[in-house]
């Protein structure tokens, strides 16, 4: 083989390797961002077999919720603590700034609490940041989102606070950025782009669910 042909083959090989490396180079912020060592335990290569409840919520083909663990599993009275672990996966491209939200809803679908900053993945330096939000995830990996929160005992109503009166509480989740939310394309959801994870009974009696007269409420508070 001539020297000129050997040289051409070498050049072609180098260019081919360069293109291959370029194709495999990190192409998203999620792949390029250095992971905080404290968060490494919350990033997995596959969904654990120990997940208690497999589920499916698809947010525009970009983020999916694949399962959850919750305790207690049935009844969560006002004032009780709920432990919730969500198992997320990023499945498509996202630009910067997307975050997770978790809301607690009453039986009528009204938001009674939000826990957007609860847990290791969501804590951040400011209200507009999460430590490891969806925009920072690597496609295909599983992100373990641990939350601890309390069912409210009382809710603000005008200038007063009234006891929580609902037979159930529902955990709703989603992915948001500024005024936008990703659409829920698969799974149980509503028009507000909230995906429903699970519902728990509050265990309140029928009498406790009935609104009290204002003077009776003052007497019970005193």
C-alpha atoms as a PDB file:
ATOM      1  CA  UNK A   1       0.000   0.000   0.000  1.00  0.00           C
ATOM      2  CA  UNK A   2       1.379   3.428  -0.894  1.00  0.00           C
ATOM      3  CA  UNK A   3       2.362   5.945   1.778  1.00  0.00           C
ATOM      4  CA  UNK A   4      -0.183   8.432   0.513  1.00  0.00           C
ATOM      5  CA  UNK A   5      -2.988   5.843   0.833  1.00  0.00           C
ATOM      6  CA  UNK A   6      -1.840   4.904   4.352  1.00  0.00           C
ATOM      7  CA  UNK A   7      -1.890   8.584   5.308  1.00  0.00           C
ATOM      8  CA  UNK A   8      -5.404   9.000   3.945  1.00  0.00           C
ATOM      9  CA  UNK A   9      -6.598   5.989   5.964  1.00  0.00           C
ATOM     10  CA  UNK A  10      -5.043   7.423   9.155  1.00  0.00           C
ATOM     11  CA  UNK A  11      -6.732  10.787   8.605  1.00  0.00           C
ATOM     12  CA  UNK A  12     -10.057   9.094   7.926  1.00  0.00           C
ATOM     13  CA  UNK A  13      -9.742   7.016  11.100  1.00  0.00           C
ATOM     14  CA  UNK A  14      -8.959  10.056  13.248  1.00  0.00           C
ATOM     15  CA  UNK A  15     -11.895  11.985  11.811  1.00  0.00           C
ATOM     16  CA  UNK A  16     -14.209   9.030  12.366  1.00  0.00           C
ATOM     17  CA  UNK A  17     -13.143   8.696  16.000  1.00  0.00           C
ATOM     18  CA  UNK A  18     -13.618  12.421  16.464  1.00  0.00           C
ATOM     19  CA  UNK A  19     -17.181  12.224  15.167  1.00  0.00           C
ATOM     20  CA  UNK A  20     -17.919   9.234  17.424  1.00  0.00           C
ATOM     21  CA  UNK A  21     -16.639  11.031  20.522  1.00  0.00           C
ATOM     22  CA  UNK A  22     -18.616  14.112  19.533  1.00  0.00           C
ATOM     23  CA  UNK A  23     -21.817  12.083  19.263  1.00  0.00           C
ATOM     24  CA  UNK A  24     -21.300  10.602  22.738  1.00  0.00           C
ATOM     25  CA  UNK A  25     -20.233  13.844  24.395  1.00  0.00           C
ATOM     26  CA  UNK A  26     -22.585  15.350  26.973  1.00  0.00           C
ATOM     27  CA  UNK A  27     -25.213  17.284  25.065  1.00  0.00           C
ATOM     28  CA  UNK A  28     -27.372  18.504  27.922  1.00  0.00           C
ATOM     29  CA  UNK A  29     -26.901  20.450  31.121  1.00  0.00           C
ATOM     30  CA  UNK A  30     -27.978  17.348  33.069  1.00  0.00           C
ATOM     31  CA  UNK A  31     -25.066  15.271  31.754  1.00  0.00           C
ATOM     32  CA  UNK A  32     -22.513  18.059  32.139  1.00  0.00           C
ATOM     33  CA  UNK A  33     -23.445  19.187  35.649  1.00  0.00           C
ATOM     34  CA  UNK A  34     -21.333  17.747  38.441  1.00  0.00           C
ATOM     35  CA  UNK A  35     -23.455  15.838  40.929  1.00  0.00           C
ATOM     36  CA  UNK A  36     -23.244  16.862  44.577  1.00  0.00           C
ATOM     37  CA  UNK A  37     -21.801  13.830  46.453  1.00  0.00           C
ATOM     38  CA  UNK A  38     -24.565  14.237  49.058  1.00  0.00           C
ATOM     39  CA  UNK A  39     -27.140  13.495  46.356  1.00  0.00           C
ATOM     40  CA  UNK A  40     -25.457  10.464  44.779  1.00  0.00           C
ATOM     41  CA  UNK A  41     -27.528   8.059  46.903  1.00  0.00           C
ATOM     42  CA  UNK A  42     -30.715   9.412  45.285  1.00  0.00           C
ATOM     43  CA  UNK A  43     -29.619   8.623  41.712  1.00  0.00           C
ATOM     44  CA  UNK A  44     -30.063   5.026  40.504  1.00  0.00           C
ATOM     45  CA  UNK A  45     -29.519   3.172  37.247  1.00  0.00           C
ATOM     46  CA  UNK A  46     -32.802   1.238  37.469  1.00  0.00           C
ATOM     47  CA  UNK A  47     -36.103   1.212  39.362  1.00  0.00           C
ATOM     48  CA  UNK A  48     -35.652  -0.730  42.642  1.00  0.00           C
ATOM     49  CA  UNK A  49     -37.562  -3.987  43.039  1.00  0.00           C
ATOM     50  CA  UNK A  50     -38.582  -2.778  46.503  1.00  0.00           C
ATOM     51  CA  UNK A  51     -40.853  -0.027  45.162  1.00  0.00           C
ATOM     52  CA  UNK A  52     -44.214  -0.547  46.885  1.00  0.00           C
ATOM     53  CA  UNK A  53     -46.476   0.971  44.249  1.00  0.00           C
ATOM     54  CA  UNK A  54     -45.657   1.125  40.568  1.00  0.00           C
ATOM     55  CA  UNK A  55     -47.490   3.908  38.769  1.00  0.00           C
ATOM     56  CA  UNK A  56     -47.277   5.878  35.550  1.00  0.00           C
ATOM     57  CA  UNK A  57     -47.489   9.604  34.997  1.00  0.00           C
ATOM     58  CA  UNK A  58     -46.036  10.988  31.781  1.00  0.00           C
ATOM     59  CA  UNK A  59     -45.254  14.699  31.577  1.00  0.00           C
ATOM     60  CA  UNK A  60     -45.030  15.570  27.851  1.00  0.00           C
ATOM     61  CA  UNK A  61     -42.737  12.610  27.177  1.00  0.00           C
ATOM     62  CA  UNK A  62     -39.972  14.421  29.073  1.00  0.00           C
ATOM     63  CA  UNK A  63     -40.413  13.294  32.684  1.00  0.00           C
ATOM     64  CA  UNK A  64     -42.160  10.235  34.089  1.00  0.00           C
ATOM     65  CA  UNK A  65     -43.192   9.128  37.564  1.00  0.00           C
ATOM     66  CA  UNK A  66     -42.711   5.354  37.733  1.00  0.00           C
ATOM     67  CA  UNK A  67     -43.534   4.475  41.340  1.00  0.00           C
ATOM     68  CA  UNK A  68     -43.896   5.569  44.948  1.00  0.00           C
ATOM     69  CA  UNK A  69     -43.759   4.465  48.581  1.00  0.00           C
ATOM     70  CA  UNK A  70     -46.056   6.086  51.143  1.00  0.00           C
ATOM     71  CA  UNK A  71     -46.562   5.777  54.893  1.00  0.00           C
ATOM     72  CA  UNK A  72     -49.182   5.638  56.312  1.00  0.00           C
ATOM     73  CA  UNK A  73     -50.918   3.832  53.472  1.00  0.00           C
ATOM     74  CA  UNK A  74     -54.581   4.272  54.396  1.00  0.00           C
ATOM     75  CA  UNK A  75     -55.429   6.903  57.023  1.00  0.00           C
ATOM     76  CA  UNK A  76     -53.680  10.247  57.612  1.00  0.00           C
ATOM     77  CA  UNK A  77     -55.610  12.407  60.133  1.00  0.00           C
ATOM     78  CA  UNK A  78     -55.003  16.167  60.419  1.00  0.00           C
ATOM     79  CA  UNK A  79     -51.667  16.748  62.133  1.00  0.00           C
ATOM     80  CA  UNK A  80     -50.217  13.381  61.115  1.00  0.00           C
ATOM     81  CA  UNK A  81     -46.903  12.978  59.287  1.00  0.00           C
ATOM     82  CA  UNK A  82     -46.681  11.484  55.811  1.00  0.00           C
ATOM     83  CA  UNK A  83     -43.505   9.949  54.392  1.00  0.00           C
ATOM     84  CA  UNK A  84     -43.527   9.830  50.595  1.00  0.00           C
ATOM     85  CA  UNK A  85     -40.873   8.602  48.189  1.00  0.00           C
ATOM     86  CA  UNK A  86     -41.348   9.293  44.474  1.00  0.00           C
ATOM     87  CA  UNK A  87     -39.348   7.537  41.747  1.00  0.00           C
ATOM     88  CA  UNK A  88     -38.813   9.798  38.734  1.00  0.00           C
ATOM     89  CA  UNK A  89     -37.146   9.350  35.371  1.00  0.00           C
ATOM     90  CA  UNK A  90     -36.250  11.907  32.739  1.00  0.00           C
ATOM     91  CA  UNK A  91     -37.128  10.623  29.265  1.00  0.00           C
ATOM     92  CA  UNK A  92     -36.704  13.639  26.974  1.00  0.00           C
ATOM     93  CA  UNK A  93     -35.010  16.980  26.449  1.00  0.00           C
ATOM     94  CA  UNK A  94     -35.616  19.858  28.859  1.00  0.00           C
ATOM     95  CA  UNK A  95     -34.149  23.324  28.973  1.00  0.00           C
ATOM     96  CA  UNK A  96     -32.945  24.861  32.226  1.00  0.00           C
ATOM     97  CA  UNK A  97     -35.118  25.816  35.162  1.00  0.00           C
ATOM     98  CA  UNK A  98     -37.742  23.042  35.371  1.00  0.00           C
ATOM     99  CA  UNK A  99     -38.682  21.967  38.890  1.00  0.00           C
ATOM    100  CA  UNK A 100     -40.950  19.523  40.735  1.00  0.00           C
ATOM    101  CA  UNK A 101     -44.048  20.429  42.709  1.00  0.00           C
ATOM    102  CA  UNK A 102     -46.075  18.413  45.195  1.00  0.00           C
ATOM    103  CA  UNK A 103     -49.459  19.631  46.431  1.00  0.00           C
ATOM    104  CA  UNK A 104     -51.921  18.236  48.938  1.00  0.00           C
ATOM    105  CA  UNK A 105     -55.551  18.517  47.832  1.00  0.00           C
ATOM    106  CA  UNK A 106     -58.825  18.144  49.705  1.00  0.00           C
ATOM    107  CA  UNK A 107     -61.777  16.032  48.537  1.00  0.00           C
ATOM    108  CA  UNK A 108     -62.920  18.869  46.219  1.00  0.00           C
ATOM    109  CA  UNK A 109     -59.509  19.188  44.567  1.00  0.00           C
ATOM    110  CA  UNK A 110     -58.601  22.417  46.363  1.00  0.00           C
ATOM    111  CA  UNK A 111     -54.960  22.885  47.290  1.00  0.00           C
ATOM    112  CA  UNK A 112     -54.492  22.877  51.056  1.00  0.00           C
ATOM    113  CA  UNK A 113     -50.684  22.684  51.193  1.00  0.00           C
ATOM    114  CA  UNK A 114     -47.606  22.571  48.963  1.00  0.00           C
ATOM    115  CA  UNK A 115     -44.246  20.910  49.536  1.00  0.00           C
ATOM    116  CA  UNK A 116     -42.143  22.085  46.598  1.00  0.00           C
ATOM    117  CA  UNK A 117     -39.067  22.589  48.795  1.00  0.00           C
ATOM    118  CA  UNK A 118     -39.330  19.394  50.829  1.00  0.00           C
ATOM    119  CA  UNK A 119     -36.629  16.729  50.600  1.00  0.00           C
ATOM    120  CA  UNK A 120     -33.008  16.466  49.416  1.00  0.00           C
ATOM    121  CA  UNK A 121     -33.701  16.892  45.676  1.00  0.00           C
ATOM    122  CA  UNK A 122     -35.794  20.015  46.182  1.00  0.00           C
ATOM    123  CA  UNK A 123     -33.852  22.002  48.757  1.00  0.00           C
ATOM    124  CA  UNK A 124     -32.050  24.955  47.208  1.00  0.00           C
ATOM    125  CA  UNK A 125     -30.253  28.178  47.886  1.00  0.00           C
ATOM    126  CA  UNK A 126     -33.368  30.197  47.053  1.00  0.00           C
ATOM    127  CA  UNK A 127     -37.095  29.766  46.464  1.00  0.00           C
ATOM    128  CA  UNK A 128     -36.450  29.607  42.722  1.00  0.00           C
ATOM    129  CA  UNK A 129     -33.966  26.744  42.922  1.00  0.00           C
ATOM    130  CA  UNK A 130     -34.006  23.028  43.632  1.00  0.00           C
ATOM    131  CA  UNK A 131     -30.867  21.099  44.489  1.00  0.00           C
ATOM    132  CA  UNK A 132     -31.413  18.558  41.711  1.00  0.00           C
ATOM    133  CA  UNK A 133     -34.437  19.389  39.553  1.00  0.00           C
ATOM    134  CA  UNK A 134     -35.566  17.660  36.329  1.00  0.00           C
ATOM    135  CA  UNK A 135     -33.483  19.968  34.113  1.00  0.00           C
ATOM    136  CA  UNK A 136     -30.360  18.593  35.821  1.00  0.00           C
ATOM    137  CA  UNK A 137     -31.252  14.913  35.470  1.00  0.00           C
ATOM    138  CA  UNK A 138     -29.611  12.459  33.103  1.00  0.00           C
ATOM    139  CA  UNK A 139     -31.975  10.758  30.671  1.00  0.00           C
ATOM    140  CA  UNK A 140     -32.758   7.180  31.692  1.00  0.00           C
ATOM    141  CA  UNK A 141     -31.615   7.331  35.306  1.00  0.00           C
ATOM    142  CA  UNK A 142     -33.973   7.020  38.291  1.00  0.00           C
ATOM    143  CA  UNK A 143     -34.207   9.881  40.805  1.00  0.00           C
ATOM    144  CA  UNK A 144     -35.411   9.092  44.312  1.00  0.00           C
ATOM    145  CA  UNK A 145     -37.431  12.023  45.646  1.00  0.00           C
ATOM    146  CA  UNK A 146     -37.978  11.741  49.410  1.00  0.00           C
ATOM    147  CA  UNK A 147     -40.508  14.000  51.143  1.00  0.00           C
ATOM    148  CA  UNK A 148     -41.721  14.320  54.740  1.00  0.00           C
ATOM    149  CA  UNK A 149     -44.714  16.531  55.461  1.00  0.00           C
ATOM    150  CA  UNK A 150     -47.640  17.047  57.799  1.00  0.00           C
ATOM    151  CA  UNK A 151     -51.342  17.071  57.003  1.00  0.00           C
ATOM    152  CA  UNK A 152     -52.569  20.541  58.071  1.00  0.00           C
ATOM    153  CA  UNK A 153     -54.726  20.748  61.180  1.00  0.00           C
ATOM    154  CA  UNK A 154     -56.200  24.122  60.263  1.00  0.00           C
ATOM    155  CA  UNK A 155     -56.549  26.229  57.136  1.00  0.00           C
ATOM    156  CA  UNK A 156     -56.658  29.983  56.658  1.00  0.00           C
ATOM    157  CA  UNK A 157     -60.124  31.299  55.900  1.00  0.00           C
ATOM    158  CA  UNK A 158     -60.142  35.059  55.667  1.00  0.00           C
ATOM    159  CA  UNK A 159     -58.638  36.412  58.878  1.00  0.00           C
ATOM    160  CA  UNK A 160     -59.321  33.195  60.758  1.00  0.00           C
ATOM    161  CA  UNK A 161     -58.059  29.647  60.791  1.00  0.00           C
ATOM    162  CA  UNK A 162     -60.590  26.843  60.673  1.00  0.00           C
ATOM    163  CA  UNK A 163     -60.135  23.101  61.220  1.00  0.00           C
ATOM    164  CA  UNK A 164     -59.400  20.964  58.190  1.00  0.00           C
ATOM    165  CA  UNK A 165     -62.664  19.436  57.021  1.00  0.00           C
ATOM    166  CA  UNK A 166     -62.175  16.851  54.295  1.00  0.00           C
ATOM    167  CA  UNK A 167     -62.741  13.140  54.133  1.00  0.00           C
ATOM    168  CA  UNK A 168     -59.659  12.525  51.984  1.00  0.00           C
ATOM    169  CA  UNK A 169     -56.366  14.131  51.027  1.00  0.00           C
ATOM    170  CA  UNK A 170     -54.782  13.565  47.613  1.00  0.00           C
ATOM    171  CA  UNK A 171     -51.113  13.912  46.686  1.00  0.00           C
ATOM    172  CA  UNK A 172     -50.686  15.691  43.344  1.00  0.00           C
ATOM    173  CA  UNK A 173     -47.394  16.248  41.529  1.00  0.00           C
ATOM    174  CA  UNK A 174     -46.109  18.009  38.454  1.00  0.00           C
ATOM    175  CA  UNK A 175     -43.232  19.701  36.665  1.00  0.00           C
ATOM    176  CA  UNK A 176     -43.166  23.498  36.449  1.00  0.00           C
ATOM    177  CA  UNK A 177     -41.133  26.481  35.344  1.00  0.00           C
ATOM    178  CA  UNK A 178     -42.230  30.033  36.099  1.00  0.00           C
ATOM    179  CA  UNK A 179     -45.880  30.205  34.932  1.00  0.00           C
ATOM    180  CA  UNK A 180     -45.723  27.000  32.841  1.00  0.00           C
ATOM    181  CA  UNK A 181     -46.396  23.364  33.666  1.00  0.00           C
ATOM    182  CA  UNK A 182     -45.729  20.264  31.583  1.00  0.00           C
ATOM    183  CA  UNK A 183     -48.895  18.593  30.304  1.00  0.00           C
ATOM    184  CA  UNK A 184     -49.783  15.212  31.779  1.00  0.00           C
ATOM    185  CA  UNK A 185     -50.091  12.933  28.744  1.00  0.00           C
ATOM    186  CA  UNK A 186     -50.466   9.654  30.621  1.00  0.00           C
ATOM    187  CA  UNK A 187     -51.945   8.745  33.998  1.00  0.00           C
ATOM    188  CA  UNK A 188     -54.625  10.205  36.259  1.00  0.00           C
ATOM    189  CA  UNK A 189     -54.611  14.010  36.165  1.00  0.00           C
ATOM    190  CA  UNK A 190     -56.716  17.160  35.892  1.00  0.00           C
ATOM    191  CA  UNK A 191     -56.941  20.269  33.718  1.00  0.00           C
ATOM    192  CA  UNK A 192     -54.450  22.074  35.975  1.00  0.00           C
ATOM    193  CA  UNK A 193     -51.700  19.703  34.826  1.00  0.00           C
ATOM    194  CA  UNK A 194     -51.505  17.988  38.189  1.00  0.00           C
ATOM    195  CA  UNK A 195     -50.859  14.255  38.212  1.00  0.00           C
ATOM    196  CA  UNK A 196     -52.508  12.303  41.026  1.00  0.00           C
ATOM    197  CA  UNK A 197     -50.307   9.910  42.988  1.00  0.00           C
ATOM    198  CA  UNK A 198     -52.464   8.591  45.832  1.00  0.00           C
ATOM    199  CA  UNK A 199     -55.360   9.479  48.149  1.00  0.00           C
ATOM    200  CA  UNK A 200     -55.590   8.847  51.886  1.00  0.00           C
ATOM    201  CA  UNK A 201     -58.539   9.010  54.241  1.00  0.00           C
ATOM    202  CA  UNK A 202     -58.388  11.571  57.031  1.00  0.00           C
ATOM    203  CA  UNK A 203     -60.543   9.384  59.262  1.00  0.00           C
ATOM    204  CA  UNK A 204     -62.706  12.354  60.239  1.00  0.00           C
ATOM    205  CA  UNK A 205     -66.275  11.646  61.351  1.00  0.00           C
ATOM    206  CA  UNK A 206     -69.269  13.011  59.451  1.00  0.00           C
ATOM    207  CA  UNK A 207     -69.848  15.454  62.294  1.00  0.00           C
ATOM    208  CA  UNK A 208     -66.273  16.741  62.079  1.00  0.00           C
ATOM    209  CA  UNK A 209     -66.731  17.394  58.359  1.00  0.00           C
ATOM    210  CA  UNK A 210     -69.682  19.726  58.918  1.00  0.00           C
ATOM    211  CA  UNK A 211     -68.889  23.466  59.197  1.00  0.00           C
ATOM    212  CA  UNK A 212     -69.623  24.940  62.601  1.00  0.00           C
ATOM    213  CA  UNK A 213     -71.346  28.206  63.305  1.00  0.00           C
ATOM    214  CA  UNK A 214     -69.008  31.073  64.041  1.00  0.00           C
ATOM    215  CA  UNK A 215     -69.994  31.394  67.673  1.00  0.00           C
ATOM    216  CA  UNK A 216     -69.642  27.662  68.221  1.00  0.00           C
ATOM    217  CA  UNK A 217     -66.185  27.799  66.664  1.00  0.00           C
ATOM    218  CA  UNK A 218     -65.118  30.597  69.004  1.00  0.00           C
ATOM    219  CA  UNK A 219     -66.376  28.620  71.974  1.00  0.00           C
ATOM    220  CA  UNK A 220     -64.435  25.519  70.947  1.00  0.00           C
ATOM    221  CA  UNK A 221     -61.272  27.600  70.427  1.00  0.00           C
ATOM    222  CA  UNK A 222     -61.584  29.205  73.851  1.00  0.00           C
END
